[in-house]
Amino acid sequence: MNELKSALRRARPCLWSAVFSALVICLGDRALPALLGDGKAILPGVASVFVTINAGVSFSFLSGSPALATALGALALIVLAAFMPWKGLSPLCRASLGAAFSGGLCNFLSRLRFGFVRDWIHLDFMRFPVFNLADVFVCAGALVFALGLLLDQKNGNA
């Protein structure tokens, strides 16, 4: 029981900051496409606004099963929240899990409220699926987490 209390104490700051970050990301994902305008350049030649609806998960996978996509999102959030208080994780790894959790929570809340996620960032310089700000946090969090684990292992901290 003491171990569980200790884990919850370690997780609480990460979860609170992740929830706050998710709210900011959700606001950005709703407001930025409207402020910038559909079809307008974010960075000329790099990215532009192109609003699409995605009822599935990454690359519209499971778009025919929005309930399954929502359930998988919930499962992913539970797994991320469970790993945040892990004793052996460095602050970098914990923060990156928080970033991935924030983006995932934003997409999850969008699916619950609207039944879909609104993607809007289009890369102009290459062929790539349209994505949103929350997706950036999920992917960046996962990438930094993997790099953090490698660094921890290399430095003998894992």
C-alpha atoms as a PDB file:
ATOM      1  CA  MET A   1       0.000   0.000   0.000  1.00  0.00           C
ATOM      2  CA  ASN A   2       2.859   2.382   0.784  1.00  0.00           C
ATOM      3  CA  GLU A   3       4.366   1.652  -2.643  1.00  0.00           C
ATOM      4  CA  LEU A   4       1.081   2.603  -4.336  1.00  0.00           C
ATOM      5  CA  LYS A   5       0.890   5.852  -2.350  1.00  0.00           C
ATOM      6  CA  SER A   6       4.477   6.631  -3.263  1.00  0.00           C
ATOM      7  CA  ALA A   7       3.790   5.947  -6.959  1.00  0.00           C
ATOM      8  CA  LEU A   8       0.725   8.185  -6.894  1.00  0.00           C
ATOM      9  CA  ARG A   9       2.731  10.941  -5.193  1.00  0.00           C
ATOM     10  CA  ARG A  10       5.364  10.716  -7.971  1.00  0.00           C
ATOM     11  CA  ALA A  11       2.706  10.665 -10.710  1.00  0.00           C
ATOM     12  CA  ARG A  12       0.536  13.522  -9.456  1.00  0.00           C
ATOM     13  CA  PRO A  13       2.679  16.448 -10.730  1.00  0.00           C
ATOM     14  CA  CYS A  14       3.142  14.758 -14.115  1.00  0.00           C
ATOM     15  CA  LEU A  15      -0.568  14.060 -14.487  1.00  0.00           C
ATOM     16  CA  TRP A  16      -1.629  17.576 -13.472  1.00  0.00           C
ATOM     17  CA  SER A  17       0.825  19.211 -15.846  1.00  0.00           C
ATOM     18  CA  ALA A  18      -0.237  16.783 -18.599  1.00  0.00           C
ATOM     19  CA  VAL A  19      -3.925  17.620 -18.095  1.00  0.00           C
ATOM     20  CA  PHE A  20      -3.177  21.362 -18.149  1.00  0.00           C
ATOM     21  CA  SER A  21      -1.028  20.898 -21.285  1.00  0.00           C
ATOM     22  CA  ALA A  22      -3.808  18.880 -22.921  1.00  0.00           C
ATOM     23  CA  LEU A  23      -6.254  21.741 -22.373  1.00  0.00           C
ATOM     24  CA  VAL A  24      -3.826  24.201 -23.972  1.00  0.00           C
ATOM     25  CA  ILE A  25      -3.245  21.817 -26.904  1.00  0.00           C
ATOM     26  CA  CYS A  26      -7.005  21.330 -27.361  1.00  0.00           C
ATOM     27  CA  LEU A  27      -7.528  25.093 -27.437  1.00  0.00           C
ATOM     28  CA  GLY A  28      -4.731  25.415 -29.992  1.00  0.00           C
ATOM     29  CA  ASP A  29      -6.159  22.636 -32.152  1.00  0.00           C
ATOM     30  CA  ARG A  30      -9.567  24.345 -32.149  1.00  0.00           C
ATOM     31  CA  ALA A  31      -8.466  27.974 -32.459  1.00  0.00           C
ATOM     32  CA  LEU A  32      -5.392  27.964 -34.715  1.00  0.00           C
ATOM     33  CA  PRO A  33      -7.037  26.610 -37.897  1.00  0.00           C
ATOM     34  CA  ALA A  34      -9.833  29.174 -37.525  1.00  0.00           C
ATOM     35  CA  LEU A  35      -7.404  32.022 -36.848  1.00  0.00           C
ATOM     36  CA  LEU A  36      -5.016  31.083 -39.645  1.00  0.00           C
ATOM     37  CA  GLY A  37      -7.705  30.175 -42.193  1.00  0.00           C
ATOM     38  CA  ASP A  38      -8.103  27.021 -44.267  1.00  0.00           C
ATOM     39  CA  GLY A  39      -5.628  26.888 -47.125  1.00  0.00           C
ATOM     40  CA  LYS A  40      -3.361  29.552 -45.634  1.00  0.00           C
ATOM     41  CA  ALA A  41       0.369  29.017 -45.144  1.00  0.00           C
ATOM     42  CA  ILE A  42       1.648  28.494 -41.610  1.00  0.00           C
ATOM     43  CA  LEU A  43       5.250  28.599 -42.836  1.00  0.00           C
ATOM     44  CA  PRO A  44       5.398  29.243 -46.596  1.00  0.00           C
ATOM     45  CA  GLY A  45       6.719  26.210 -48.441  1.00  0.00           C
ATOM     46  CA  VAL A  46       6.771  24.138 -45.249  1.00  0.00           C
ATOM     47  CA  ALA A  47       3.266  23.800 -43.791  1.00  0.00           C
ATOM     48  CA  SER A  48      -0.231  25.085 -44.410  1.00  0.00           C
ATOM     49  CA  VAL A  49      -3.706  24.732 -42.940  1.00  0.00           C
ATOM     50  CA  PHE A  50      -5.827  22.000 -44.529  1.00  0.00           C
ATOM     51  CA  VAL A  51      -8.708  20.973 -42.252  1.00  0.00           C
ATOM     52  CA  THR A  52      -9.833  17.343 -42.417  1.00  0.00           C
ATOM     53  CA  ILE A  53     -11.898  15.071 -40.194  1.00  0.00           C
ATOM     54  CA  ASN A  54     -10.377  11.835 -38.880  1.00  0.00           C
ATOM     55  CA  ALA A  55     -12.727   9.388 -37.130  1.00  0.00           C
ATOM     56  CA  GLY A  56      -9.917   6.863 -36.710  1.00  0.00           C
ATOM     57  CA  VAL A  57      -6.440   6.914 -35.248  1.00  0.00           C
ATOM     58  CA  SER A  58      -3.104   7.530 -36.995  1.00  0.00           C
ATOM     59  CA  PHE A  59      -3.338   7.705 -40.773  1.00  0.00           C
ATOM     60  CA  SER A  60      -7.153   7.241 -40.492  1.00  0.00           C
ATOM     61  CA  PHE A  61      -6.659   3.626 -39.392  1.00  0.00           C
ATOM     62  CA  LEU A  62      -9.932   2.354 -37.869  1.00  0.00           C
ATOM     63  CA  SER A  63     -11.882   5.286 -39.322  1.00  0.00           C
ATOM     64  CA  GLY A  64     -14.788   2.887 -39.852  1.00  0.00           C
ATOM     65  CA  SER A  65     -14.793   2.050 -36.130  1.00  0.00           C
ATOM     66  CA  PRO A  66     -14.734   5.286 -34.135  1.00  0.00           C
ATOM     67  CA  ALA A  67     -15.798   3.486 -30.936  1.00  0.00           C
ATOM     68  CA  LEU A  68     -12.805   1.147 -31.218  1.00  0.00           C
ATOM     69  CA  ALA A  69     -10.506   4.109 -31.922  1.00  0.00           C
ATOM     70  CA  THR A  70     -11.824   5.821 -28.772  1.00  0.00           C
ATOM     71  CA  ALA A  71     -11.380   2.649 -26.707  1.00  0.00           C
ATOM     72  CA  LEU A  72      -7.794   2.228 -27.937  1.00  0.00           C
ATOM     73  CA  GLY A  73      -7.120   5.863 -27.059  1.00  0.00           C
ATOM     74  CA  ALA A  74      -8.422   5.282 -23.529  1.00  0.00           C
ATOM     75  CA  LEU A  75      -6.246   2.183 -23.180  1.00  0.00           C
ATOM     76  CA  ALA A  76      -3.161   4.092 -24.365  1.00  0.00           C
ATOM     77  CA  LEU A  77      -3.844   6.859 -21.818  1.00  0.00           C
ATOM     78  CA  ILE A  78      -4.140   4.315 -19.006  1.00  0.00           C
ATOM     79  CA  VAL A  79      -0.837   2.703 -20.005  1.00  0.00           C
ATOM     80  CA  LEU A  80       0.935   6.079 -20.196  1.00  0.00           C
ATOM     81  CA  ALA A  81      -0.468   7.157 -16.834  1.00  0.00           C
ATOM     82  CA  ALA A  82       0.648   3.861 -15.303  1.00  0.00           C
ATOM     83  CA  PHE A  83       4.243   4.316 -16.506  1.00  0.00           C
ATOM     84  CA  MET A  84       4.649   7.964 -15.436  1.00  0.00           C
ATOM     85  CA  PRO A  85       5.335   7.178 -11.757  1.00  0.00           C
ATOM     86  CA  TRP A  86       7.807   4.374 -12.572  1.00  0.00           C
ATOM     87  CA  LYS A  87      10.714   4.699 -10.136  1.00  0.00           C
ATOM     88  CA  GLY A  88      13.562   4.155 -12.573  1.00  0.00           C
ATOM     89  CA  LEU A  89      12.500   6.804 -15.101  1.00  0.00           C
ATOM     90  CA  SER A  90      14.574   9.922 -15.526  1.00  0.00           C
ATOM     91  CA  PRO A  91      12.869  13.330 -15.425  1.00  0.00           C
ATOM     92  CA  LEU A  92      13.331  13.534 -19.220  1.00  0.00           C
ATOM     93  CA  CYS A  93      11.485  10.242 -19.714  1.00  0.00           C
ATOM     94  CA  ARG A  94       8.740  11.278 -17.306  1.00  0.00           C
ATOM     95  CA  ALA A  95       8.274  14.620 -19.083  1.00  0.00           C
ATOM     96  CA  SER A  96       8.153  12.939 -22.491  1.00  0.00           C
ATOM     97  CA  LEU A  97       5.456  10.538 -21.248  1.00  0.00           C
ATOM     98  CA  GLY A  98       3.584  13.601 -20.022  1.00  0.00           C
ATOM     99  CA  ALA A  99       3.809  15.171 -23.484  1.00  0.00           C
ATOM    100  CA  ALA A 100       2.528  12.005 -25.170  1.00  0.00           C
ATOM    101  CA  PHE A 101      -0.239  11.742 -22.552  1.00  0.00           C
ATOM    102  CA  SER A 102      -1.229  15.389 -23.155  1.00  0.00           C
ATOM    103  CA  GLY A 103      -1.553  14.948 -26.895  1.00  0.00           C
ATOM    104  CA  GLY A 104      -3.370  11.642 -26.487  1.00  0.00           C
ATOM    105  CA  LEU A 105      -5.772  13.144 -23.950  1.00  0.00           C
ATOM    106  CA  CYS A 106      -6.559  16.023 -26.291  1.00  0.00           C
ATOM    107  CA  ASN A 107      -7.361  13.639 -29.163  1.00  0.00           C
ATOM    108  CA  PHE A 108      -9.352  11.398 -26.788  1.00  0.00           C
ATOM    109  CA  LEU A 109     -11.447  14.338 -25.552  1.00  0.00           C
ATOM    110  CA  SER A 110     -12.072  15.415 -29.143  1.00  0.00           C
ATOM    111  CA  ARG A 111     -13.265  11.902 -30.035  1.00  0.00           C
ATOM    112  CA  LEU A 112     -15.566  11.831 -26.996  1.00  0.00           C
ATOM    113  CA  ARG A 113     -17.060  15.253 -27.703  1.00  0.00           C
ATOM    114  CA  PHE A 114     -17.261  15.264 -31.496  1.00  0.00           C
ATOM    115  CA  GLY A 115     -16.773  11.628 -32.535  1.00  0.00           C
ATOM    116  CA  PHE A 116     -13.660  12.537 -34.524  1.00  0.00           C
ATOM    117  CA  VAL A 117     -10.353  14.386 -34.425  1.00  0.00           C
ATOM    118  CA  ARG A 118      -9.854  17.460 -36.575  1.00  0.00           C
ATOM    119  CA  ASP A 119      -6.501  17.338 -38.356  1.00  0.00           C
ATOM    120  CA  TRP A 120      -5.264  20.527 -39.949  1.00  0.00           C
ATOM    121  CA  ILE A 121      -1.482  20.705 -40.402  1.00  0.00           C
ATOM    122  CA  HIS A 122      -0.424  19.838 -43.951  1.00  0.00           C
ATOM    123  CA  LEU A 123       3.241  19.524 -44.896  1.00  0.00           C
ATOM    124  CA  ASP A 124       3.763  21.283 -48.223  1.00  0.00           C
ATOM    125  CA  PHE A 125       7.249  19.967 -48.976  1.00  0.00           C
ATOM    126  CA  MET A 126       6.435  16.239 -48.839  1.00  0.00           C
ATOM    127  CA  ARG A 127       3.592  13.787 -49.150  1.00  0.00           C
ATOM    128  CA  PHE A 128       2.442  13.090 -45.596  1.00  0.00           C
ATOM    129  CA  PRO A 129      -0.956  12.688 -43.912  1.00  0.00           C
ATOM    130  CA  VAL A 130      -2.553  15.762 -42.377  1.00  0.00           C
ATOM    131  CA  PHE A 131      -2.153  15.880 -38.589  1.00  0.00           C
ATOM    132  CA  ASN A 132      -2.891  18.151 -35.630  1.00  0.00           C
ATOM    133  CA  LEU A 133      -1.056  19.745 -32.728  1.00  0.00           C
ATOM    134  CA  ALA A 134      -1.977  16.891 -30.377  1.00  0.00           C
ATOM    135  CA  ASP A 135      -0.377  14.409 -32.784  1.00  0.00           C
ATOM    136  CA  VAL A 136       2.854  16.423 -32.614  1.00  0.00           C
ATOM    137  CA  PHE A 137       2.920  16.026 -28.828  1.00  0.00           C
ATOM    138  CA  VAL A 138       2.196  12.283 -29.026  1.00  0.00           C
ATOM    139  CA  CYS A 139       4.954  11.663 -31.582  1.00  0.00           C
ATOM    140  CA  ALA A 140       7.498  14.022 -30.022  1.00  0.00           C
ATOM    141  CA  GLY A 141       6.810  12.533 -26.584  1.00  0.00           C
ATOM    142  CA  ALA A 142       7.314   8.997 -27.892  1.00  0.00           C
ATOM    143  CA  LEU A 143      10.524   9.977 -29.704  1.00  0.00           C
ATOM    144  CA  VAL A 144      12.012  11.820 -26.717  1.00  0.00           C
ATOM    145  CA  PHE A 145      11.014   8.936 -24.429  1.00  0.00           C
ATOM    146  CA  ALA A 146      12.885   6.450 -26.639  1.00  0.00           C
ATOM    147  CA  LEU A 147      15.919   8.741 -26.798  1.00  0.00           C
ATOM    148  CA  GLY A 148      15.766   9.257 -23.034  1.00  0.00           C
ATOM    149  CA  LEU A 149      15.740   5.506 -22.444  1.00  0.00           C
ATOM    150  CA  LEU A 150      18.753   5.110 -24.735  1.00  0.00           C
ATOM    151  CA  LEU A 151      20.623   7.896 -22.938  1.00  0.00           C
ATOM    152  CA  ASP A 152      19.761   6.439 -19.543  1.00  0.00           C
ATOM    153  CA  GLN A 153      20.986   3.025 -20.656  1.00  0.00           C
ATOM    154  CA  LYS A 154      24.172   4.466 -22.149  1.00  0.00           C
ATOM    155  CA  ASN A 155      24.885   6.385 -18.923  1.00  0.00           C
ATOM    156  CA  GLY A 156      24.173   3.320 -16.799  1.00  0.00           C
ATOM    157  CA  ASN A 157      21.039   4.780 -15.227  1.00  0.00           C
ATOM    158  CA  ALA A 158      18.624   2.137 -16.476  1.00  0.00           C
END
